[in-house]
Amino acid sequence: MGTKNNGRSAEGLSVVFTVRVIEGGEQGFLELYDQLRKSVSQTPGHIVERLGEPVDDSRQWVITSEWQTAEHFFAWQQSEEHRALVAPLRQWVDSTQSLRFRVVKETKGVTA
């Protein structure tokens, strides 16, 4: 069993998925993402997911998610439902990258 670190289990998994959306493909990508997020929100072990929109002209979107364990994430990622949902992704993006990691330190800002 993992040790506790600032309220987080060391067994938790964070995922950063970057997606470079093709020019003019934002609407199609967002429609696909809405389907994906509905699926993931019902998945055991899923904690939170966030979609980040680029603030420059890079067309580089970022999806971050947190999972109770790596096993939960990989079970969802390898499911038939997940595969069916992401299959159409290729028509809206020209590159992707996935980073998976365990948080070992977390620093929170001071609140006023």
C-alpha atoms as a PDB file:
ATOM      1  CA  MET A   1       0.000   0.000   0.000  1.00  0.00           C
ATOM      2  CA  GLY A   2       1.271   3.504  -0.840  1.00  0.00           C
ATOM      3  CA  THR A   3       2.381   6.037   1.684  1.00  0.00           C
ATOM      4  CA  LYS A   4       0.518   9.266   2.181  1.00  0.00           C
ATOM      5  CA  ASN A   5       2.166  12.491   0.986  1.00  0.00           C
ATOM      6  CA  ASN A   6       0.266  15.737   1.528  1.00  0.00           C
ATOM      7  CA  GLY A   7      -3.042  13.911   1.331  1.00  0.00           C
ATOM      8  CA  ARG A   8      -2.108  12.052  -1.874  1.00  0.00           C
ATOM      9  CA  SER A   9      -1.519   8.351  -2.187  1.00  0.00           C
ATOM     10  CA  ALA A  10       1.860   7.467  -3.665  1.00  0.00           C
ATOM     11  CA  GLU A  11      -0.027   4.893  -5.750  1.00  0.00           C
ATOM     12  CA  GLY A  12      -1.917   7.606  -7.644  1.00  0.00           C
ATOM     13  CA  LEU A  13      -1.213   8.266 -11.307  1.00  0.00           C
ATOM     14  CA  SER A  14      -1.260  11.572 -13.179  1.00  0.00           C
ATOM     15  CA  VAL A  15      -1.551  11.661 -16.968  1.00  0.00           C
ATOM     16  CA  VAL A  16      -0.778  14.538 -19.328  1.00  0.00           C
ATOM     17  CA  PHE A  17      -1.979  14.064 -22.894  1.00  0.00           C
ATOM     18  CA  THR A  18      -1.083  16.740 -25.442  1.00  0.00           C
ATOM     19  CA  VAL A  19      -3.003  17.034 -28.687  1.00  0.00           C
ATOM     20  CA  ARG A  20      -2.101  19.294 -31.608  1.00  0.00           C
ATOM     21  CA  VAL A  21      -5.442  20.005 -33.284  1.00  0.00           C
ATOM     22  CA  ILE A  22      -5.408  20.572 -37.043  1.00  0.00           C
ATOM     23  CA  GLU A  23      -6.307  24.025 -38.291  1.00  0.00           C
ATOM     24  CA  GLY A  24     -10.087  24.323 -38.340  1.00  0.00           C
ATOM     25  CA  GLY A  25     -10.533  21.096 -36.352  1.00  0.00           C
ATOM     26  CA  GLU A  26     -11.334  22.612 -32.962  1.00  0.00           C
ATOM     27  CA  GLN A  27     -15.105  21.998 -33.102  1.00  0.00           C
ATOM     28  CA  GLY A  28     -14.717  18.361 -34.117  1.00  0.00           C
ATOM     29  CA  PHE A  29     -12.092  17.822 -31.441  1.00  0.00           C
ATOM     30  CA  LEU A  30     -14.288  19.419 -28.746  1.00  0.00           C
ATOM     31  CA  GLU A  31     -17.282  17.276 -29.726  1.00  0.00           C
ATOM     32  CA  LEU A  32     -15.127  14.162 -29.497  1.00  0.00           C
ATOM     33  CA  TYR A  33     -13.690  15.289 -26.155  1.00  0.00           C
ATOM     34  CA  ASP A  34     -17.204  15.762 -24.731  1.00  0.00           C
ATOM     35  CA  GLN A  35     -17.957  12.098 -25.479  1.00  0.00           C
ATOM     36  CA  LEU A  36     -14.631  11.038 -24.000  1.00  0.00           C
ATOM     37  CA  ARG A  37     -15.071  12.977 -20.776  1.00  0.00           C
ATOM     38  CA  LYS A  38     -18.553  11.525 -20.213  1.00  0.00           C
ATOM     39  CA  SER A  39     -17.053   8.043 -20.501  1.00  0.00           C
ATOM     40  CA  VAL A  40     -14.075   8.709 -18.238  1.00  0.00           C
ATOM     41  CA  SER A  41     -16.206  10.366 -15.545  1.00  0.00           C
ATOM     42  CA  GLN A  42     -18.015   7.030 -15.025  1.00  0.00           C
ATOM     43  CA  THR A  43     -14.788   5.012 -14.834  1.00  0.00           C
ATOM     44  CA  PRO A  44     -13.703   3.398 -11.542  1.00  0.00           C
ATOM     45  CA  GLY A  45     -10.547   5.000 -10.145  1.00  0.00           C
ATOM     46  CA  HIS A  46     -10.890   8.249 -12.093  1.00  0.00           C
ATOM     47  CA  ILE A  47     -10.475  11.328  -9.887  1.00  0.00           C
ATOM     48  CA  VAL A  48     -10.437  14.403 -12.145  1.00  0.00           C
ATOM     49  CA  GLU A  49      -9.852  15.420 -15.746  1.00  0.00           C
ATOM     50  CA  ARG A  50      -9.085  18.871 -17.139  1.00  0.00           C
ATOM     51  CA  LEU A  51      -8.946  20.226 -20.695  1.00  0.00           C
ATOM     52  CA  GLY A  52      -6.569  23.105 -21.376  1.00  0.00           C
ATOM     53  CA  GLU A  53      -7.023  25.359 -24.411  1.00  0.00           C
ATOM     54  CA  PRO A  54      -3.931  26.988 -25.945  1.00  0.00           C
ATOM     55  CA  VAL A  55      -3.517  30.716 -25.289  1.00  0.00           C
ATOM     56  CA  ASP A  56      -1.266  31.151 -28.319  1.00  0.00           C
ATOM     57  CA  ASP A  57      -1.520  29.987 -31.927  1.00  0.00           C
ATOM     58  CA  SER A  58       0.149  26.605 -31.261  1.00  0.00           C
ATOM     59  CA  ARG A  59      -3.112  24.614 -31.528  1.00  0.00           C
ATOM     60  CA  GLN A  60      -1.619  22.492 -28.697  1.00  0.00           C
ATOM     61  CA  TRP A  61      -4.402  21.381 -26.323  1.00  0.00           C
ATOM     62  CA  VAL A  62      -3.640  19.614 -23.036  1.00  0.00           C
ATOM     63  CA  ILE A  63      -5.730  17.000 -21.246  1.00  0.00           C
ATOM     64  CA  THR A  64      -4.687  16.174 -17.692  1.00  0.00           C
ATOM     65  CA  SER A  65      -6.204  13.487 -15.519  1.00  0.00           C
ATOM     66  CA  GLU A  66      -5.624  11.942 -12.132  1.00  0.00           C
ATOM     67  CA  TRP A  67      -6.290   8.333 -11.174  1.00  0.00           C
ATOM     68  CA  GLN A  68      -6.343   6.425  -7.894  1.00  0.00           C
ATOM     69  CA  THR A  69      -3.910   3.845  -9.328  1.00  0.00           C
ATOM     70  CA  ALA A  70      -2.089   3.142 -12.578  1.00  0.00           C
ATOM     71  CA  GLU A  71      -4.121  -0.047 -12.892  1.00  0.00           C
ATOM     72  CA  HIS A  72      -7.374   1.947 -13.025  1.00  0.00           C
ATOM     73  CA  PHE A  73      -6.007   4.142 -15.831  1.00  0.00           C
ATOM     74  CA  PHE A  74      -4.642   1.268 -17.904  1.00  0.00           C
ATOM     75  CA  ALA A  75      -7.876  -0.727 -17.523  1.00  0.00           C
ATOM     76  CA  TRP A  76      -9.810   2.219 -18.952  1.00  0.00           C
ATOM     77  CA  GLN A  77      -7.224   2.988 -21.651  1.00  0.00           C
ATOM     78  CA  GLN A  78      -7.261  -0.614 -22.893  1.00  0.00           C
ATOM     79  CA  SER A  79     -11.058  -0.955 -22.850  1.00  0.00           C
ATOM     80  CA  GLU A  80     -13.061  -1.362 -26.047  1.00  0.00           C
ATOM     81  CA  GLU A  81     -15.121   1.722 -25.150  1.00  0.00           C
ATOM     82  CA  HIS A  82     -11.998   3.878 -24.917  1.00  0.00           C
ATOM     83  CA  ARG A  83     -10.636   2.559 -28.216  1.00  0.00           C
ATOM     84  CA  ALA A  84     -13.933   3.278 -29.976  1.00  0.00           C
ATOM     85  CA  LEU A  85     -14.043   6.819 -28.570  1.00  0.00           C
ATOM     86  CA  VAL A  86     -10.485   7.772 -29.547  1.00  0.00           C
ATOM     87  CA  ALA A  87     -10.493   6.141 -32.993  1.00  0.00           C
ATOM     88  CA  PRO A  88     -11.957   9.281 -34.664  1.00  0.00           C
ATOM     89  CA  LEU A  89      -9.282  11.453 -32.990  1.00  0.00           C
ATOM     90  CA  ARG A  90      -6.928  11.086 -35.967  1.00  0.00           C
ATOM     91  CA  GLN A  91      -9.175  13.171 -38.197  1.00  0.00           C
ATOM     92  CA  TRP A  92      -8.883  16.190 -35.869  1.00  0.00           C
ATOM     93  CA  VAL A  93      -5.248  16.045 -34.735  1.00  0.00           C
ATOM     94  CA  ASP A  94      -1.850  15.787 -36.355  1.00  0.00           C
ATOM     95  CA  SER A  95       0.175  14.767 -33.262  1.00  0.00           C
ATOM     96  CA  THR A  96      -0.283  13.499 -29.716  1.00  0.00           C
ATOM     97  CA  GLN A  97       1.925  12.750 -26.745  1.00  0.00           C
ATOM     98  CA  SER A  98       1.108  10.984 -23.491  1.00  0.00           C
ATOM     99  CA  LEU A  99       3.075  11.348 -20.243  1.00  0.00           C
ATOM    100  CA  ARG A 100       2.256   9.247 -17.184  1.00  0.00           C
ATOM    101  CA  PHE A 101       3.787   9.840 -13.783  1.00  0.00           C
ATOM    102  CA  ARG A 102       3.386   9.549 -10.047  1.00  0.00           C
ATOM    103  CA  VAL A 103       3.452  12.797  -8.080  1.00  0.00           C
ATOM    104  CA  VAL A 104       6.307  12.640  -5.569  1.00  0.00           C
ATOM    105  CA  LYS A 105       6.146  16.237  -4.317  1.00  0.00           C
ATOM    106  CA  GLU A 106       3.434  18.848  -4.363  1.00  0.00           C
ATOM    107  CA  THR A 107       3.781  22.481  -3.351  1.00  0.00           C
ATOM    108  CA  LYS A 108       0.699  24.583  -2.729  1.00  0.00           C
ATOM    109  CA  GLY A 109       0.631  28.360  -2.756  1.00  0.00           C
ATOM    110  CA  VAL A 110      -0.208  30.415   0.274  1.00  0.00           C
ATOM    111  CA  THR A 111      -3.813  31.602   0.281  1.00  0.00           C
ATOM    112  CA  ALA A 112      -4.673  35.077   1.513  1.00  0.00           C
END
